[in-house]
Amino acid sequence: MDQTTLPVLERIAAALERLSPPAPSLAGLEQADAFIWHPGLGRLTPVAHVAHVEMGLLQGIDRQRQMLLDNTLHFAHGLPANNAMLWGARGMGKSSLVKAAHAQANLEGGKPAALGKGRLVLVEIQREDLSTLPDLLALLRESPRRFIVFCDDLSFEREDADYKALKSVLDGGIAGRPPNVLFYATSNRRHLMPREMIENESSSAINTSEATEEKVSLSDRFGLWIGFHNCAQDTFMDMVRAYAKERGLPIGDKDLVRRANAWSLSRGGRSGRVAFQFIEDLSAELSARP
C-alpha cells in the first residue's frame, strides 16, 4: 500500500468510528434513582431530583391512585405486577401519579432512600425513541435493580415501527419482558390511536371486527388500564384547597373559592393542572404583597 494512502485511510476510519453510536452502557446506575434514556448517546442520564407532587396532594383520583400505588409497591417488593396505561382527560394527574408512586415506593421509614439506593428506578423514554425500546430492555435486563420505564403522552398517528416495537415488547417476542422491568405510559387516547383511524380501517376491511381488534390490541397488552375523567366543581376546589393548605397561603376560603372559579373560567376548564397553575399565580401574588 502507498505510504501516502495509509494516513488518509486511518483518518477515514477514525471519523467513521466517531460517527457510530457508542455501545449502550449502564455506567453510573448507582448515581440516582431516575434517568432519561438517550439512545444516541447509548446511556442513561441521571436525574438527581424528580419534579413530583406529593401523593396526598393528588385529589379526586383516589381509586386510580390506589390501583397504581398497589401495583408499584408490589413490583418494588419483588411481587408480580402489570404494565400500566393511564389514559383520559388532560391535566388530571396521570404523569404526576406515576412520579408520585415512584417516590412513594422509594421511601424508607417515611423518608426518601439515599440517592441511588431506592427500590425502584424510573427511566423516562421519549415517544420518538420507542423504536430503541428493545435495546433499552436488553440493557436493563443485565442489572440487579428494578425499573419502571415511563413514556409520557403516548399516542400513534399510524401503525409505524414504534407501534410495532412497543407491541412486541409488552407481550410478544421470544425474549419477553425482563422480570425486573415494568412499562408505564400515559395517553389522552384510550386506544393510543385517533378514533377516525380505527373507524377508517374498519370501514375498508373485509372483516371489520378483526381490523378494529388489531388497532386496539396494543392497549389490551397493558394489564392495568386506569381511566382519568374531567373533574367536577367540588373536586376542583378540593385540589385548590389542598395546594393552598400545603403552601400555607394567607387567604380565606371564600376568597380562595371565588378566585379559583374565576381562574378556571378564564382557562375554559377545571383540572388538577389548572388548580396547580392557579396556586402558582396566587402564591406569587401573595408573596409580593408588602
Protein backbone atom coordinates (compact mmCIF):
# COMPACT_ATOMS: atom_id res chain seq x y z
CA MET A 1 0.00 0.00 0.00
CA ASP A 2 1.16 3.50 -0.83
CA GLN A 3 2.51 5.18 2.32
CA THR A 4 0.62 8.37 1.47
CA THR A 5 -2.67 6.43 1.38
CA LEU A 6 -2.40 4.87 4.85
CA PRO A 7 -2.81 8.12 6.88
CA VAL A 8 -5.87 9.00 4.80
CA LEU A 9 -7.48 5.63 5.47
CA GLU A 10 -6.71 5.94 9.19
CA ARG A 11 -8.41 9.35 9.31
CA ILE A 12 -11.44 7.97 7.49
CA ALA A 13 -11.64 5.02 9.90
CA ALA A 14 -11.36 7.34 12.90
CA ALA A 15 -14.11 9.59 11.53
CA LEU A 16 -16.43 6.63 10.95
CA GLU A 17 -15.78 5.41 14.50
CA ARG A 18 -16.74 8.81 15.89
CA LEU A 19 -19.96 8.80 13.86
CA SER A 20 -21.03 5.34 15.00
CA PRO A 21 -23.19 5.31 18.15
CA PRO A 22 -21.47 4.13 21.32
CA ALA A 23 -22.32 0.75 22.77
CA PRO A 24 -25.13 1.03 25.34
CA SER A 25 -23.85 1.19 28.90
CA LEU A 26 -25.24 1.03 32.44
CA ALA A 27 -22.39 3.15 33.77
CA GLY A 28 -23.47 5.49 36.56
CA LEU A 29 -26.56 3.50 37.53
CA GLU A 30 -25.69 3.90 41.20
CA GLN A 31 -25.77 7.70 40.96
CA ALA A 32 -29.55 8.19 41.04
CA ASP A 33 -32.99 6.57 41.14
CA ALA A 34 -34.27 8.25 37.97
CA PHE A 35 -32.79 8.52 34.48
CA ILE A 36 -33.58 9.69 30.96
CA TRP A 37 -32.77 7.27 28.14
CA HIS A 38 -30.64 8.82 25.39
CA PRO A 39 -30.23 6.16 22.69
CA GLY A 40 -27.99 8.39 20.56
CA LEU A 41 -25.51 8.54 23.43
CA GLY A 42 -26.06 4.91 24.38
CA ARG A 43 -26.58 5.70 28.04
CA LEU A 44 -28.92 6.73 30.81
CA THR A 45 -28.60 10.32 32.02
CA PRO A 46 -29.19 10.60 35.78
CA VAL A 47 -31.88 12.87 37.22
CA ALA A 48 -30.95 13.71 40.81
CA HIS A 49 -34.32 15.17 41.79
CA VAL A 50 -37.56 14.17 40.07
CA ALA A 51 -40.12 17.00 39.91
CA HIS A 52 -43.12 15.37 41.53
CA VAL A 53 -46.23 16.25 43.52
CA GLU A 54 -46.75 14.59 46.89
CA MET A 55 -49.18 11.70 46.71
CA GLY A 56 -51.54 13.28 49.25
CA LEU A 57 -51.99 16.38 47.07
CA LEU A 58 -53.46 14.41 44.17
CA GLN A 59 -57.17 14.91 44.80
CA GLY A 60 -60.18 13.40 43.05
CA ILE A 61 -58.36 10.28 41.84
CA ASP A 62 -58.47 8.09 44.95
CA ARG A 63 -59.33 4.87 43.12
CA GLN A 64 -56.75 5.46 40.39
CA ARG A 65 -54.12 6.39 42.96
CA GLN A 66 -54.63 3.22 44.99
CA MET A 67 -54.59 0.98 41.91
CA LEU A 68 -51.28 2.32 40.62
CA LEU A 69 -49.67 2.57 44.03
CA ASP A 70 -50.55 -1.04 44.90
CA ASN A 71 -49.17 -2.25 41.57
CA THR A 72 -45.97 -0.22 42.01
CA LEU A 73 -45.38 -1.37 45.58
CA HIS A 74 -45.94 -4.99 44.59
CA PHE A 75 -43.29 -4.66 41.91
CA ALA A 76 -40.89 -2.83 44.25
CA HIS A 77 -41.07 -5.73 46.68
CA GLY A 78 -40.50 -8.40 44.04
CA LEU A 79 -44.13 -9.47 43.64
CA PRO A 80 -45.98 -9.93 40.33
CA ALA A 81 -47.17 -6.66 38.76
CA ASN A 82 -48.62 -5.37 35.48
CA ASN A 83 -47.63 -2.87 32.84
CA ALA A 84 -49.92 0.14 33.27
CA MET A 85 -51.68 2.53 30.90
CA LEU A 86 -53.04 5.75 32.40
CA TRP A 87 -55.42 7.33 29.90
CA GLY A 88 -58.01 10.08 29.82
CA ALA A 89 -58.60 13.77 30.46
CA ARG A 90 -55.73 16.23 30.20
CA GLY A 91 -54.28 17.70 33.35
CA MET A 92 -55.87 15.21 35.75
CA GLY A 93 -52.63 13.91 37.24
CA LYS A 94 -51.64 10.93 35.08
CA SER A 95 -47.92 11.62 34.86
CA SER A 96 -47.90 13.18 38.35
CA LEU A 97 -49.30 9.94 39.74
CA VAL A 98 -46.57 7.84 38.10
CA LYS A 99 -43.85 10.05 39.59
CA ALA A 100 -45.57 10.15 42.99
CA ALA A 101 -45.90 6.34 43.06
CA HIS A 102 -42.19 6.02 42.23
CA ALA A 103 -41.31 8.39 45.08
CA GLN A 104 -43.62 6.53 47.48
CA ALA A 105 -42.05 3.17 46.63
CA ASN A 106 -38.60 4.56 47.46
CA LEU A 107 -39.48 5.71 50.96
CA GLU A 108 -37.66 4.04 53.83
CA GLY A 109 -39.06 4.73 57.26
CA GLY A 110 -41.10 7.58 55.82
CA LYS A 111 -38.04 9.27 54.30
CA PRO A 112 -36.57 9.10 50.77
CA ALA A 113 -33.92 6.43 50.33
CA ALA A 114 -30.32 7.51 49.87
CA LEU A 115 -29.57 8.60 46.31
CA GLY A 116 -29.07 5.57 44.11
CA LYS A 117 -30.35 3.18 46.78
CA GLY A 118 -34.08 3.23 46.06
CA ARG A 119 -36.04 0.05 45.41
CA LEU A 120 -37.23 1.34 42.03
CA VAL A 121 -35.53 3.20 39.22
CA LEU A 122 -37.66 5.42 36.97
CA VAL A 123 -36.44 5.58 33.36
CA GLU A 124 -38.11 8.07 31.02
CA ILE A 125 -38.16 7.26 27.31
CA GLN A 126 -39.34 9.76 24.71
CA ARG A 127 -42.12 8.83 22.29
CA GLU A 128 -39.79 9.25 19.31
CA ASP A 129 -37.27 6.80 20.84
CA LEU A 130 -39.67 3.87 21.25
CA SER A 131 -38.04 2.01 18.38
CA THR A 132 -34.99 1.65 20.67
CA LEU A 133 -37.07 0.15 23.49
CA PRO A 134 -35.81 -3.41 22.81
CA ASP A 135 -32.23 -2.14 23.14
CA LEU A 136 -33.07 -0.42 26.43
CA LEU A 137 -34.75 -3.51 27.85
CA ALA A 138 -31.82 -5.71 26.84
CA LEU A 139 -29.57 -3.30 28.74
CA LEU A 140 -31.76 -3.16 31.85
CA ARG A 141 -32.05 -6.95 31.91
CA GLU A 142 -28.38 -7.08 32.95
CA SER A 143 -28.94 -5.01 36.11
CA PRO A 144 -29.99 -6.31 39.56
CA ARG A 145 -32.12 -3.18 40.12
CA ARG A 146 -35.84 -2.92 39.31
CA PHE A 147 -37.05 -0.42 36.71
CA ILE A 148 -40.21 1.37 35.61
CA VAL A 149 -39.79 2.54 32.02
CA PHE A 150 -42.08 5.53 31.59
CA CYS A 151 -43.36 7.14 28.38
CA ASP A 152 -45.48 10.26 28.82
CA ASP A 153 -48.17 11.34 26.36
CA LEU A 154 -48.01 8.19 24.27
CA SER A 155 -50.04 8.05 21.04
CA PHE A 156 -49.66 6.99 17.42
CA GLU A 157 -50.88 8.55 14.19
CA ARG A 158 -50.31 5.35 12.27
CA GLU A 159 -49.13 1.80 12.86
CA ASP A 160 -45.47 2.69 12.46
CA ALA A 161 -42.28 0.93 13.55
CA ASP A 162 -42.54 2.39 17.06
CA TYR A 163 -46.05 0.97 17.43
CA LYS A 164 -44.88 -2.50 16.43
CA ALA A 165 -41.78 -2.32 18.65
CA LEU A 166 -43.85 -1.48 21.71
CA LYS A 167 -46.48 -4.09 20.88
CA SER A 168 -43.83 -6.79 20.64
CA VAL A 169 -42.07 -5.78 23.84
CA LEU A 170 -45.19 -5.61 26.00
CA ASP A 171 -46.30 -9.15 25.47
CA GLY A 172 -44.70 -10.86 22.49
CA GLY A 173 -41.20 -11.64 21.36
CA ILE A 174 -39.25 -14.74 22.29
CA ALA A 175 -37.18 -12.89 24.92
CA GLY A 176 -40.23 -11.44 26.66
CA ARG A 177 -40.22 -8.52 29.08
CA PRO A 178 -37.37 -8.66 31.59
CA PRO A 179 -38.66 -9.64 35.05
CA ASN A 180 -37.04 -6.53 36.56
CA VAL A 181 -38.84 -4.07 34.24
CA LEU A 182 -42.37 -2.63 34.04
CA PHE A 183 -43.67 -0.25 31.39
CA TYR A 184 -45.91 2.68 32.42
CA ALA A 185 -47.42 5.07 29.88
CA THR A 186 -49.86 7.96 29.85
CA SER A 187 -52.11 8.98 26.98
CA ASN A 188 -55.06 11.22 26.27
CA ARG A 189 -56.37 8.49 23.95
CA ARG A 190 -57.95 5.33 25.26
CA HIS A 191 -56.63 3.15 22.42
CA LEU A 192 -53.49 5.21 21.63
CA MET A 193 -54.73 5.97 18.09
CA PRO A 194 -57.21 8.54 16.72
CA ARG A 195 -60.79 7.28 16.63
CA GLU A 196 -61.07 8.15 12.94
CA MET A 197 -58.06 5.97 12.13
CA ILE A 198 -59.67 2.95 13.78
CA GLU A 199 -63.02 3.65 12.09
CA ASN A 200 -61.45 4.19 8.64
CA GLU A 201 -59.54 0.93 8.95
CA SER A 202 -62.72 -0.90 9.93
CA SER A 203 -64.78 0.51 7.07
CA SER A 204 -62.27 -0.65 4.45
CA ALA A 205 -61.58 -4.09 5.93
CA ILE A 206 -63.11 -7.37 4.82
CA ASN A 207 -63.62 -8.37 8.45
CA THR A 208 -64.34 -5.16 10.37
CA SER A 209 -64.15 -6.72 13.84
CA GLU A 210 -60.69 -8.15 13.18
CA ALA A 211 -59.45 -4.78 11.91
CA THR A 212 -60.73 -2.98 15.00
CA GLU A 213 -59.29 -5.61 17.33
CA GLU A 214 -55.89 -5.23 15.69
CA LYS A 215 -55.88 -1.48 16.26
CA VAL A 216 -56.85 -1.71 19.93
CA SER A 217 -54.72 -4.78 20.71
CA LEU A 218 -51.80 -2.65 21.89
CA SER A 219 -53.91 -1.14 24.67
CA ASP A 220 -55.07 -4.62 25.65
CA ARG A 221 -51.47 -5.62 26.33
CA PHE A 222 -51.36 -3.33 29.36
CA GLY A 223 -52.53 -5.42 32.30
CA LEU A 224 -53.57 -2.33 34.26
CA TRP A 225 -55.81 0.16 32.46
CA ILE A 226 -56.63 3.24 34.54
CA GLY A 227 -59.01 5.93 33.29
CA PHE A 228 -59.00 9.62 34.30
CA HIS A 229 -62.02 11.83 33.76
CA ASN A 230 -62.80 15.55 33.87
CA CYS A 231 -63.30 16.75 37.42
CA ALA A 232 -66.41 18.27 38.94
CA GLN A 233 -66.51 21.66 40.65
CA ASP A 234 -66.22 20.17 44.16
CA THR A 235 -63.22 18.07 43.17
CA PHE A 236 -61.52 21.08 41.60
CA MET A 237 -61.96 23.05 44.82
CA ASP A 238 -60.57 20.14 46.86
CA MET A 239 -57.45 20.32 44.68
CA VAL A 240 -57.15 24.07 45.16
CA ARG A 241 -57.64 23.85 48.94
CA ALA A 242 -55.06 21.06 49.25
CA TYR A 243 -52.42 23.08 47.40
CA ALA A 244 -53.26 26.24 49.34
CA LYS A 245 -53.01 24.41 52.67
CA GLU A 246 -49.74 22.74 51.73
CA ARG A 247 -48.23 26.16 50.97
CA GLY A 248 -49.82 27.87 53.94
CA LEU A 249 -51.30 30.67 51.83
CA PRO A 250 -52.80 33.52 53.89
CA ILE A 251 -56.23 33.66 52.22
CA GLY A 252 -59.77 32.95 53.41
CA ASP A 253 -61.76 30.08 51.94
CA LYS A 254 -64.46 32.30 50.45
CA ASP A 255 -61.92 34.46 48.63
CA LEU A 256 -59.98 31.37 47.55
CA VAL A 257 -63.10 29.77 46.04
CA ARG A 258 -64.10 32.97 44.25
CA ARG A 259 -60.68 33.49 42.72
CA ALA A 260 -60.22 29.82 41.79
CA ASN A 261 -63.58 29.81 39.98
CA ALA A 262 -62.66 32.95 38.06
CA TRP A 263 -59.31 31.39 37.10
CA SER A 264 -60.92 28.17 35.86
CA LEU A 265 -63.43 30.15 33.77
CA SER A 266 -60.58 32.09 32.16
CA ARG A 267 -58.88 28.78 31.31
CA GLY A 268 -62.05 27.21 29.95
CA GLY A 269 -61.98 24.15 32.20
CA ARG A 270 -61.14 22.53 35.53
CA SER A 271 -58.35 20.04 36.18
CA GLY A 272 -55.50 19.33 38.53
CA ARG A 273 -53.15 21.18 36.22
CA VAL A 274 -55.39 24.27 36.20
CA ALA A 275 -55.60 24.14 40.01
CA PHE A 276 -51.81 23.98 40.30
CA GLN A 277 -51.32 26.84 37.86
CA PHE A 278 -53.81 28.96 39.83
CA ILE A 279 -51.94 28.27 43.08
CA GLU A 280 -48.63 29.16 41.44
CA ASP A 281 -50.03 32.52 40.35
CA LEU A 282 -51.72 33.15 43.71
CA SER A 283 -48.58 32.23 45.65
CA ALA A 284 -46.53 34.74 43.69
CA GLU A 285 -49.16 37.47 44.17
CA LEU A 286 -49.49 36.93 47.92
CA SER A 287 -45.72 36.76 48.36
CA ALA A 288 -45.30 40.07 46.54
CA ARG A 289 -47.67 41.92 48.88
CA PRO A 290 -45.96 44.19 51.42
